[in-house]
PDB file of N, CA and C in Angstrom:
ATOM      1  N   MET A   1       9.562 -38.431   5.534  1.00  0.00           N
ATOM      2  CA  MET A   1      10.016 -36.378   5.479  1.00  0.00           C
ATOM      3  C   MET A   1      10.473 -36.670   4.938  1.00  0.00           C
ATOM      4  N   SER A   2      10.044 -35.068   3.524  1.00  0.00           N
ATOM      5  CA  SER A   2      10.938 -34.678   2.599  1.00  0.00           C
ATOM      6  C   SER A   2      11.378 -33.797   3.241  1.00  0.00           C
ATOM      7  N   ASP A   3      13.378 -33.646   3.031  1.00  0.00           N
ATOM      8  CA  ASP A   3      13.801 -32.468   3.123  1.00  0.00           C
ATOM      9  C   ASP A   3      13.574 -31.376   1.908  1.00  0.00           C
ATOM     10  N   HIS A   4      12.412 -31.247   1.318  1.00  0.00           N
ATOM     11  CA  HIS A   4      12.023 -30.283   0.226  1.00  0.00           C
ATOM     12  C   HIS A   4      12.362 -28.718   0.495  1.00  0.00           C
ATOM     13  N   LYS A   5      12.453 -28.018   0.143  1.00  0.00           N
ATOM     14  CA  LYS A   5      12.478 -26.726   1.284  1.00  0.00           C
ATOM     15  C   LYS A   5      11.339 -25.957   0.254  1.00  0.00           C
ATOM     16  N   LEU A   6      10.761 -25.270   1.171  1.00  0.00           N
ATOM     17  CA  LEU A   6       9.677 -24.466   0.525  1.00  0.00           C
ATOM     18  C   LEU A   6       9.844 -23.395  -0.276  1.00  0.00           C
ATOM     19  N   PRO A   7       8.759 -23.293  -1.309  1.00  0.00           N
ATOM     20  CA  PRO A   7       8.725 -22.102  -1.837  1.00  0.00           C
ATOM     21  C   PRO A   7       8.759 -20.663  -1.454  1.00  0.00           C
ATOM     22  N   SER A   8      10.115 -19.732  -2.214  1.00  0.00           N
ATOM     23  CA  SER A   8      10.115 -18.641  -1.551  1.00  0.00           C
ATOM     24  C   SER A   8       8.907 -18.137  -0.804  1.00  0.00           C
ATOM     25  N   GLU A   9       8.607 -17.034   0.113  1.00  0.00           N
ATOM     26  CA  GLU A   9       7.654 -16.678   0.124  1.00  0.00           C
ATOM     27  C   GLU A   9       7.123 -15.428  -0.523  1.00  0.00           C
ATOM     28  N   THR A  10       8.079 -14.621  -1.224  1.00  0.00           N
ATOM     29  CA  THR A  10       7.798 -14.034  -2.232  1.00  0.00           C
ATOM     30  C   THR A  10       8.890 -13.802  -3.403  1.00  0.00           C
ATOM     31  N   LEU A  11       8.382 -13.525  -4.395  1.00  0.00           N
ATOM     32  CA  LEU A  11       8.934 -12.930  -5.755  1.00  0.00           C
ATOM     33  C   LEU A  11      10.198 -11.499  -5.624  1.00  0.00           C
ATOM     34  N   ILE A  12       9.490 -10.899  -4.823  1.00  0.00           N
ATOM     35  CA  ILE A  12       9.656  -9.314  -4.338  1.00  0.00           C
ATOM     36  C   ILE A  12      11.363  -9.438  -4.476  1.00  0.00           C
ATOM     37  N   GLU A  13      12.206  -8.583  -5.089  1.00  0.00           N
ATOM     38  CA  GLU A  13      13.106  -8.475  -4.280  1.00  0.00           C
ATOM     39  C   GLU A  13      13.385  -7.324  -3.971  1.00  0.00           C
ATOM     40  N   PHE A  14      13.843  -7.050  -2.334  1.00  0.00           N
ATOM     41  CA  PHE A  14      14.299  -6.273  -1.479  1.00  0.00           C
ATOM     42  C   PHE A  14      15.697  -5.727  -1.334  1.00  0.00           C
ATOM     43  N   PRO A  15      15.620  -5.002  -1.147  1.00  0.00           N
ATOM     44  CA  PRO A  15      14.877  -3.736  -0.518  1.00  0.00           C
ATOM     45  C   PRO A  15      14.110  -2.745  -2.459  1.00  0.00           C
ATOM     46  N   CYS A  16      12.977  -2.335  -2.603  1.00  0.00           N
ATOM     47  CA  CYS A  16      12.784  -1.800  -3.594  1.00  0.00           C
ATOM     48  C   CYS A  16      11.501  -0.866  -3.406  1.00  0.00           C
ATOM     49  N   HIS A  17      11.016  -0.177  -4.748  1.00  0.00           N
ATOM     50  CA  HIS A  17      10.004   0.832  -4.651  1.00  0.00           C
ATOM     51  C   HIS A  17       8.741  -0.603  -4.991  1.00  0.00           C
ATOM     52  N   PHE A  18       7.688  -0.286  -4.008  1.00  0.00           N
ATOM     53  CA  PHE A  18       6.739  -1.262  -4.066  1.00  0.00           C
ATOM     54  C   PHE A  18       5.442  -0.203  -4.306  1.00  0.00           C
ATOM     55  N   PRO A  19       4.593  -0.128  -5.241  1.00  0.00           N
ATOM     56  CA  PRO A  19       3.574   0.476  -5.818  1.00  0.00           C
ATOM     57  C   PRO A  19       2.486  -0.307  -4.886  1.00  0.00           C
ATOM     58  N   ILE A  20       1.735   0.506  -4.522  1.00  0.00           N
ATOM     59  CA  ILE A  20       0.303  -0.076  -2.990  1.00  0.00           C
ATOM     60  C   ILE A  20      -0.828   0.647  -3.568  1.00  0.00           C
ATOM     61  N   LYS A  21      -1.638   0.314  -4.420  1.00  0.00           N
ATOM     62  CA  LYS A  21      -2.793   0.748  -5.215  1.00  0.00           C
ATOM     63  C   LYS A  21      -3.912   0.522  -3.827  1.00  0.00           C
ATOM     64  N   VAL A  22      -4.595   1.672  -3.717  1.00  0.00           N
ATOM     65  CA  VAL A  22      -5.478   1.889  -2.181  1.00  0.00           C
ATOM     66  C   VAL A  22      -6.256   2.545  -2.859  1.00  0.00           C
ATOM     67  N   MET A  23      -8.145   1.996  -2.788  1.00  0.00           N
ATOM     68  CA  MET A  23      -9.368   2.475  -3.541  1.00  0.00           C
ATOM     69  C   MET A  23      -9.980   2.756  -2.315  1.00  0.00           C
ATOM     70  N   GLY A  24     -10.611   3.489  -2.178  1.00  0.00           N
ATOM     71  CA  GLY A  24     -12.070   4.001  -1.734  1.00  0.00           C
ATOM     72  C   GLY A  24     -12.925   5.060  -2.157  1.00  0.00           C
ATOM     73  N   GLU A  25     -14.082   5.085  -1.376  1.00  0.00           N
ATOM     74  CA  GLU A  25     -14.876   6.378  -1.870  1.00  0.00           C
ATOM     75  C   GLU A  25     -13.673   7.417  -1.801  1.00  0.00           C
ATOM     76  N   VAL A  26     -14.937   8.896  -2.412  1.00  0.00           N
ATOM     77  CA  VAL A  26     -13.722  10.286  -2.367  1.00  0.00           C
ATOM     78  C   VAL A  26     -14.203  10.541  -1.085  1.00  0.00           C
ATOM     79  N   HIS A  27     -13.210  11.082  -0.322  1.00  0.00           N
ATOM     80  CA  HIS A  27     -13.974  11.742   0.865  1.00  0.00           C
ATOM     81  C   HIS A  27     -12.490  12.810   0.943  1.00  0.00           C
ATOM     82  N   ASP A  28     -12.980  13.842   1.427  1.00  0.00           N
ATOM     83  CA  ASP A  28     -11.718  15.004   1.905  1.00  0.00           C
ATOM     84  C   ASP A  28     -10.486  14.615   2.266  1.00  0.00           C
ATOM     85  N   ALA A  29     -10.660  13.714   3.202  1.00  0.00           N
ATOM     86  CA  ALA A  29      -9.715  13.503   3.721  1.00  0.00           C
ATOM     87  C   ALA A  29      -9.138  11.663   3.630  1.00  0.00           C
ATOM     88  N   PHE A  30      -9.724  10.884   2.317  1.00  0.00           N
ATOM     89  CA  PHE A  30      -8.422  10.227   1.947  1.00  0.00           C
ATOM     90  C   PHE A  30      -7.437  10.240   1.602  1.00  0.00           C
ATOM     91  N   THR A  31      -6.978  11.131   0.880  1.00  0.00           N
ATOM     92  CA  THR A  31      -5.325  10.860   0.146  1.00  0.00           C
ATOM     93  C   THR A  31      -4.855  11.235   2.174  1.00  0.00           C
ATOM     94  N   SER A  32      -5.117  12.122   2.496  1.00  0.00           N
ATOM     95  CA  SER A  32      -4.065  12.322   3.443  1.00  0.00           C
ATOM     96  C   SER A  32      -4.203  11.391   4.963  1.00  0.00           C
ATOM     97  N   THR A  33      -5.117  10.597   4.845  1.00  0.00           N
ATOM     98  CA  THR A  33      -5.005   9.398   5.586  1.00  0.00           C
ATOM     99  C   THR A  33      -4.401   8.268   5.099  1.00  0.00           C
ATOM    100  N   VAL A  34      -4.525   7.757   4.338  1.00  0.00           N
ATOM    101  CA  VAL A  34      -3.435   7.199   3.109  1.00  0.00           C
ATOM    102  C   VAL A  34      -1.970   7.492   3.607  1.00  0.00           C
ATOM    103  N   ILE A  35      -1.580   8.662   3.048  1.00  0.00           N
ATOM    104  CA  ILE A  35      -0.610   9.304   4.095  1.00  0.00           C
ATOM    105  C   ILE A  35      -0.125   8.894   5.100  1.00  0.00           C
ATOM    106  N   GLU A  36      -0.983   9.087   6.172  1.00  0.00           N
ATOM    107  CA  GLU A  36      -0.754   9.057   7.419  1.00  0.00           C
ATOM    108  C   GLU A  36      -0.314   7.593   7.558  1.00  0.00           C
ATOM    109  N   ILE A  37      -1.411   6.805   7.184  1.00  0.00           N
ATOM    110  CA  ILE A  37      -1.202   5.421   7.917  1.00  0.00           C
ATOM    111  C   ILE A  37       0.194   5.001   7.044  1.00  0.00           C
ATOM    112  N   ILE A  38       0.790   5.371   5.967  1.00  0.00           N
ATOM    113  CA  ILE A  38       1.927   4.487   5.380  1.00  0.00           C
ATOM    114  C   ILE A  38       3.004   5.412   5.945  1.00  0.00           C
ATOM    115  N   LYS A  39       2.845   6.591   6.649  1.00  0.00           N
ATOM    116  CA  LYS A  39       4.146   7.256   7.130  1.00  0.00           C
ATOM    117  C   LYS A  39       4.263   6.928   8.978  1.00  0.00           C
ATOM    118  N   GLN A  40       3.245   6.456   9.255  1.00  0.00           N
ATOM    119  CA  GLN A  40       3.568   5.642  10.291  1.00  0.00           C
ATOM    120  C   GLN A  40       4.248   3.814  10.205  1.00  0.00           C
ATOM    121  N   LYS A  41       4.453   3.737   9.580  1.00  0.00           N
ATOM    122  CA  LYS A  41       4.878   2.249   9.000  1.00  0.00           C
ATOM    123  C   LYS A  41       6.345   2.724   8.318  1.00  0.00           C
ATOM    124  N   ASN A  42       6.355   3.698   7.469  1.00  0.00           N
ATOM    125  CA  ASN A  42       7.744   4.077   6.302  1.00  0.00           C
ATOM    126  C   ASN A  42       7.774   5.786   6.739  1.00  0.00           C
ATOM    127  N   GLU A  43       8.581   5.913   7.851  1.00  0.00           N
ATOM    128  CA  GLU A  43       8.495   7.968   7.438  1.00  0.00           C
ATOM    129  C   GLU A  43       9.332   8.632   6.596  1.00  0.00           C
ATOM    130  N   LYS A  44       9.802   7.321   6.235  1.00  0.00           N
ATOM    131  CA  LYS A  44      10.631   7.735   4.337  1.00  0.00           C
ATOM    132  C   LYS A  44       9.659   8.104   3.270  1.00  0.00           C
ATOM    133  N   PHE A  45       8.135   7.334   3.043  1.00  0.00           N
ATOM    134  CA  PHE A  45       7.810   7.488   2.594  1.00  0.00           C
ATOM    135  C   PHE A  45       7.266   9.365   1.541  1.00  0.00           C
ATOM    136  N   ASP A  46       7.641   9.114   0.696  1.00  0.00           N
ATOM    137  CA  ASP A  46       7.529  10.577  -0.424  1.00  0.00           C
ATOM    138  C   ASP A  46       6.325  10.460  -0.966  1.00  0.00           C
ATOM    139  N   PRO A  47       5.326  11.174  -0.346  1.00  0.00           N
ATOM    140  CA  PRO A  47       3.574  11.655  -0.754  1.00  0.00           C
ATOM    141  C   PRO A  47       3.415  12.226  -2.175  1.00  0.00           C
ATOM    142  N   SER A  48       4.407  12.468  -2.632  1.00  0.00           N
ATOM    143  CA  SER A  48       5.106  13.405  -4.377  1.00  0.00           C
ATOM    144  C   SER A  48       4.837  12.242  -5.401  1.00  0.00           C
ATOM    145  N   THR A  49       4.800  11.010  -4.615  1.00  0.00           N
ATOM    146  CA  THR A  49       5.405   9.544  -5.716  1.00  0.00           C
ATOM    147  C   THR A  49       3.520   9.466  -6.137  1.00  0.00           C
ATOM    148  N   ILE A  50       2.572   9.590  -5.070  1.00  0.00           N
ATOM    149  CA  ILE A  50       1.482   8.994  -5.632  1.00  0.00           C
ATOM    150  C   ILE A  50       0.451   9.250  -6.588  1.00  0.00           C
ATOM    151  N   GLU A  51       0.549   8.240  -7.171  1.00  0.00           N
ATOM    152  CA  GLU A  51      -0.482   8.755  -8.403  1.00  0.00           C
ATOM    153  C   GLU A  51      -1.648   8.895  -8.363  1.00  0.00           C
ATOM    154  N   MET A  52      -2.969   9.396  -8.569  1.00  0.00           N
ATOM    155  CA  MET A  52      -4.640   9.739  -7.960  1.00  0.00           C
ATOM    156  C   MET A  52      -5.389   9.531  -9.614  1.00  0.00           C
ATOM    157  N   LYS A  53      -6.102   9.016  -9.194  1.00  0.00           N
ATOM    158  CA  LYS A  53      -6.945   8.683 -10.498  1.00  0.00           C
ATOM    159  C   LYS A  53      -8.383   8.429  -9.833  1.00  0.00           C
ATOM    160  N   GLY A  54      -9.332   8.913 -10.329  1.00  0.00           N
ATOM    161  CA  GLY A  54     -10.792   9.141  -9.866  1.00  0.00           C
ATOM    162  C   GLY A  54     -11.620   8.327 -10.622  1.00  0.00           C
ATOM    163  N   SER A  55     -12.662   6.885 -10.318  1.00  0.00           N
ATOM    164  CA  SER A  55     -13.486   6.998 -10.859  1.00  0.00           C
ATOM    165  C   SER A  55     -14.483   7.294 -12.035  1.00  0.00           C
ATOM    166  N   SER A  56     -14.728   6.659 -13.043  1.00  0.00           N
ATOM    167  CA  SER A  56     -15.524   7.818 -13.998  1.00  0.00           C
ATOM    168  C   SER A  56     -16.892   8.236 -13.399  1.00  0.00           C
ATOM    169  N   GLU A  57     -17.602   7.982 -12.579  1.00  0.00           N
ATOM    170  CA  GLU A  57     -18.559   8.424 -12.254  1.00  0.00           C
ATOM    171  C   GLU A  57     -18.515   9.494 -10.836  1.00  0.00           C
ATOM    172  N   GLY A  58     -17.280   9.464 -10.741  1.00  0.00           N
ATOM    173  CA  GLY A  58     -16.585  10.632  -9.358  1.00  0.00           C
ATOM    174  C   GLY A  58     -16.718  10.087  -8.047  1.00  0.00           C
ATOM    175  N   ARG A  59     -17.494   8.582  -7.642  1.00  0.00           N
ATOM    176  CA  ARG A  59     -17.580   8.451  -6.434  1.00  0.00           C
ATOM    177  C   ARG A  59     -16.342   7.672  -5.804  1.00  0.00           C
ATOM    178  N   TYR A  60     -15.759   7.092  -6.458  1.00  0.00           N
ATOM    179  CA  TYR A  60     -14.088   5.764  -5.520  1.00  0.00           C
ATOM    180  C   TYR A  60     -12.944   6.888  -6.437  1.00  0.00           C
ATOM    181  N   ILE A  61     -11.902   6.529  -5.555  1.00  0.00           N
ATOM    182  CA  ILE A  61     -10.525   7.411  -5.899  1.00  0.00           C
ATOM    183  C   ILE A  61     -10.028   5.988  -5.741  1.00  0.00           C
ATOM    184  N   SER A  62      -8.997   6.204  -6.337  1.00  0.00           N
ATOM    185  CA  SER A  62      -7.751   4.521  -6.662  1.00  0.00           C
ATOM    186  C   SER A  62      -6.255   5.836  -6.582  1.00  0.00           C
ATOM    187  N   LEU A  63      -5.320   5.702  -5.555  1.00  0.00           N
ATOM    188  CA  LEU A  63      -4.109   6.141  -5.253  1.00  0.00           C
ATOM    189  C   LEU A  63      -3.421   5.057  -4.999  1.00  0.00           C
ATOM    190  N   THR A  64      -2.434   4.907  -6.376  1.00  0.00           N
ATOM    191  CA  THR A  64      -0.678   4.160  -6.210  1.00  0.00           C
ATOM    192  C   THR A  64       0.150   5.189  -5.816  1.00  0.00           C
ATOM    193  N   CYS A  65       0.458   4.338  -4.451  1.00  0.00           N
ATOM    194  CA  CYS A  65       1.708   4.583  -3.509  1.00  0.00           C
ATOM    195  C   CYS A  65       3.208   4.157  -3.761  1.00  0.00           C
ATOM    196  N   PHE A  66       4.074   4.591  -4.248  1.00  0.00           N
ATOM    197  CA  PHE A  66       5.261   3.644  -4.324  1.00  0.00           C
ATOM    198  C   PHE A  66       6.119   4.048  -2.923  1.00  0.00           C
ATOM    199  N   VAL A  67       5.792   2.912  -2.497  1.00  0.00           N
ATOM    200  CA  VAL A  67       6.619   2.883  -1.416  1.00  0.00           C
ATOM    201  C   VAL A  67       8.033   2.309  -0.956  1.00  0.00           C
ATOM    202  N   TYR A  68       9.047   3.055  -0.439  1.00  0.00           N
ATOM    203  CA  TYR A  68      10.409   2.123  -0.653  1.00  0.00           C
ATOM    204  C   TYR A  68      10.287   1.095   0.802  1.00  0.00           C
ATOM    205  N   VAL A  69      10.407   0.029   0.098  1.00  0.00           N
ATOM    206  CA  VAL A  69      10.482  -0.405   1.283  1.00  0.00           C
ATOM    207  C   VAL A  69      11.435  -2.246   1.412  1.00  0.00           C
ATOM    208  N   THR A  70      11.920  -2.724   2.725  1.00  0.00           N
ATOM    209  CA  THR A  70      13.331  -3.344   3.139  1.00  0.00           C
ATOM    210  C   THR A  70      12.975  -4.445   2.824  1.00  0.00           C
ATOM    211  N   SER A  71      11.814  -4.864   3.311  1.00  0.00           N
ATOM    212  CA  SER A  71      11.541  -6.497   3.561  1.00  0.00           C
ATOM    213  C   SER A  71      10.242  -6.535   3.660  1.00  0.00           C
ATOM    214  N   LYS A  72       9.677  -7.753   3.170  1.00  0.00           N
ATOM    215  CA  LYS A  72       8.247  -8.782   3.210  1.00  0.00           C
ATOM    216  C   LYS A  72       7.295  -8.439   4.456  1.00  0.00           C
ATOM    217  N   PRO A  73       7.828  -8.142   5.683  1.00  0.00           N
ATOM    218  CA  PRO A  73       7.064  -8.112   6.750  1.00  0.00           C
ATOM    219  C   PRO A  73       6.896  -6.733   6.739  1.00  0.00           C
ATOM    220  N   GLU A  74       7.909  -5.559   6.333  1.00  0.00           N
ATOM    221  CA  GLU A  74       7.646  -4.174   6.313  1.00  0.00           C
ATOM    222  C   GLU A  74       6.522  -4.019   5.519  1.00  0.00           C
ATOM    223  N   LEU A  75       6.366  -4.700   4.297  1.00  0.00           N
ATOM    224  CA  LEU A  75       5.329  -4.649   3.041  1.00  0.00           C
ATOM    225  C   LEU A  75       3.970  -5.066   4.084  1.00  0.00           C
ATOM    226  N   ASP A  76       4.184  -6.460   4.660  1.00  0.00           N
ATOM    227  CA  ASP A  76       2.295  -6.825   4.915  1.00  0.00           C
ATOM    228  C   ASP A  76       2.095  -5.946   5.961  1.00  0.00           C
ATOM    229  N   ASP A  77       3.291  -5.035   7.131  1.00  0.00           N
ATOM    230  CA  ASP A  77       2.694  -4.376   7.662  1.00  0.00           C
ATOM    231  C   ASP A  77       1.899  -3.148   7.456  1.00  0.00           C
ATOM    232  N   ILE A  78       2.787  -2.527   6.253  1.00  0.00           N
ATOM    233  CA  ILE A  78       1.638  -1.472   5.714  1.00  0.00           C
ATOM    234  C   ILE A  78       0.575  -1.845   5.115  1.00  0.00           C
ATOM    235  N   TYR A  79       0.462  -3.214   4.466  1.00  0.00           N
ATOM    236  CA  TYR A  79      -0.887  -3.598   3.544  1.00  0.00           C
ATOM    237  C   TYR A  79      -1.710  -3.828   5.084  1.00  0.00           C
ATOM    238  N   ARG A  80      -1.469  -4.154   6.264  1.00  0.00           N
ATOM    239  CA  ARG A  80      -2.330  -4.724   7.425  1.00  0.00           C
ATOM    240  C   ARG A  80      -2.753  -3.602   7.813  1.00  0.00           C
ATOM    241  N   SER A  81      -2.214  -1.974   7.925  1.00  0.00           N
ATOM    242  CA  SER A  81      -2.691  -1.007   8.428  1.00  0.00           C
ATOM    243  C   SER A  81      -3.619  -0.357   7.270  1.00  0.00           C
ATOM    244  N   LEU A  82      -3.550  -0.416   6.395  1.00  0.00           N
ATOM    245  CA  LEU A  82      -3.934   0.152   5.234  1.00  0.00           C
ATOM    246  C   LEU A  82      -5.600  -0.996   5.105  1.00  0.00           C
ATOM    247  N   SER A  83      -5.248  -2.263   5.268  1.00  0.00           N
ATOM    248  CA  SER A  83      -6.511  -2.720   4.719  1.00  0.00           C
ATOM    249  C   SER A  83      -7.533  -2.845   5.801  1.00  0.00           C
ATOM    250  N   SER A  84      -6.960  -2.476   7.216  1.00  0.00           N
ATOM    251  CA  SER A  84      -7.756  -2.114   8.304  1.00  0.00           C
ATOM    252  C   SER A  84      -8.501  -1.129   8.798  1.00  0.00           C
ATOM    253  N   HIS A  85      -8.409   0.174   7.747  1.00  0.00           N
ATOM    254  CA  HIS A  85      -9.149   1.624   8.147  1.00  0.00           C
ATOM    255  C   HIS A  85     -10.278   1.141   7.394  1.00  0.00           C
ATOM    256  N   PRO A  86     -11.185   1.755   7.722  1.00  0.00           N
ATOM    257  CA  PRO A  86     -12.891   1.830   7.751  1.00  0.00           C
ATOM    258  C   PRO A  86     -13.073   2.978   5.836  1.00  0.00           C
ATOM    259  N   MET A  87     -12.539   3.665   6.380  1.00  0.00           N
ATOM    260  CA  MET A  87     -12.322   4.855   4.375  1.00  0.00           C
ATOM    261  C   MET A  87     -11.564   3.608   3.647  1.00  0.00           C
ATOM    262  N   ILE A  88     -10.848   2.879   3.788  1.00  0.00           N
ATOM    263  CA  ILE A  88     -10.311   1.823   2.516  1.00  0.00           C
ATOM    264  C   ILE A  88     -10.921   0.479   2.180  1.00  0.00           C
ATOM    265  N   LYS A  89     -11.424   0.553   1.312  1.00  0.00           N
ATOM    266  CA  LYS A  89     -12.254  -0.242   0.630  1.00  0.00           C
ATOM    267  C   LYS A  89     -11.104  -1.288   0.151  1.00  0.00           C
ATOM    268  N   VAL A  90     -10.091  -0.764  -0.804  1.00  0.00           N
ATOM    269  CA  VAL A  90      -9.303  -2.020  -1.210  1.00  0.00           C
ATOM    270  C   VAL A  90      -8.154  -1.636  -1.070  1.00  0.00           C
ATOM    271  N   VAL A  91      -7.282  -2.883  -0.919  1.00  0.00           N
ATOM    272  CA  VAL A  91      -5.652  -2.610  -0.944  1.00  0.00           C
ATOM    273  C   VAL A  91      -5.163  -3.775  -2.191  1.00  0.00           C
ATOM    274  N   LEU A  92      -4.453  -3.337  -2.900  1.00  0.00           N
ATOM    275  CA  LEU A  92      -3.788  -4.365  -4.494  1.00  0.00           C
ATOM    276  C   LEU A  92      -2.322  -3.906  -4.074  1.00  0.00           C
TER     277      LEU A  92
END
């Protein structure tokens, strides 16, 4: 057996403002749903930091949400919650 340590799980230094990109089809409640999901996991999330971009055809929307996270488990939890919502197609 080797005593080598495994590489660090993440290169991200916490705490930090982390950009989470969330994409889905255009829907009236898309932005408010994303905000609600993030706020359930991170009460201090500031929705005014969201950058919004629509696709050229106008069918999809992309939100970049800057979330202040203090740990990898917190960030993973936010990703899981966003990824599991049926309205959300991609989380990067």
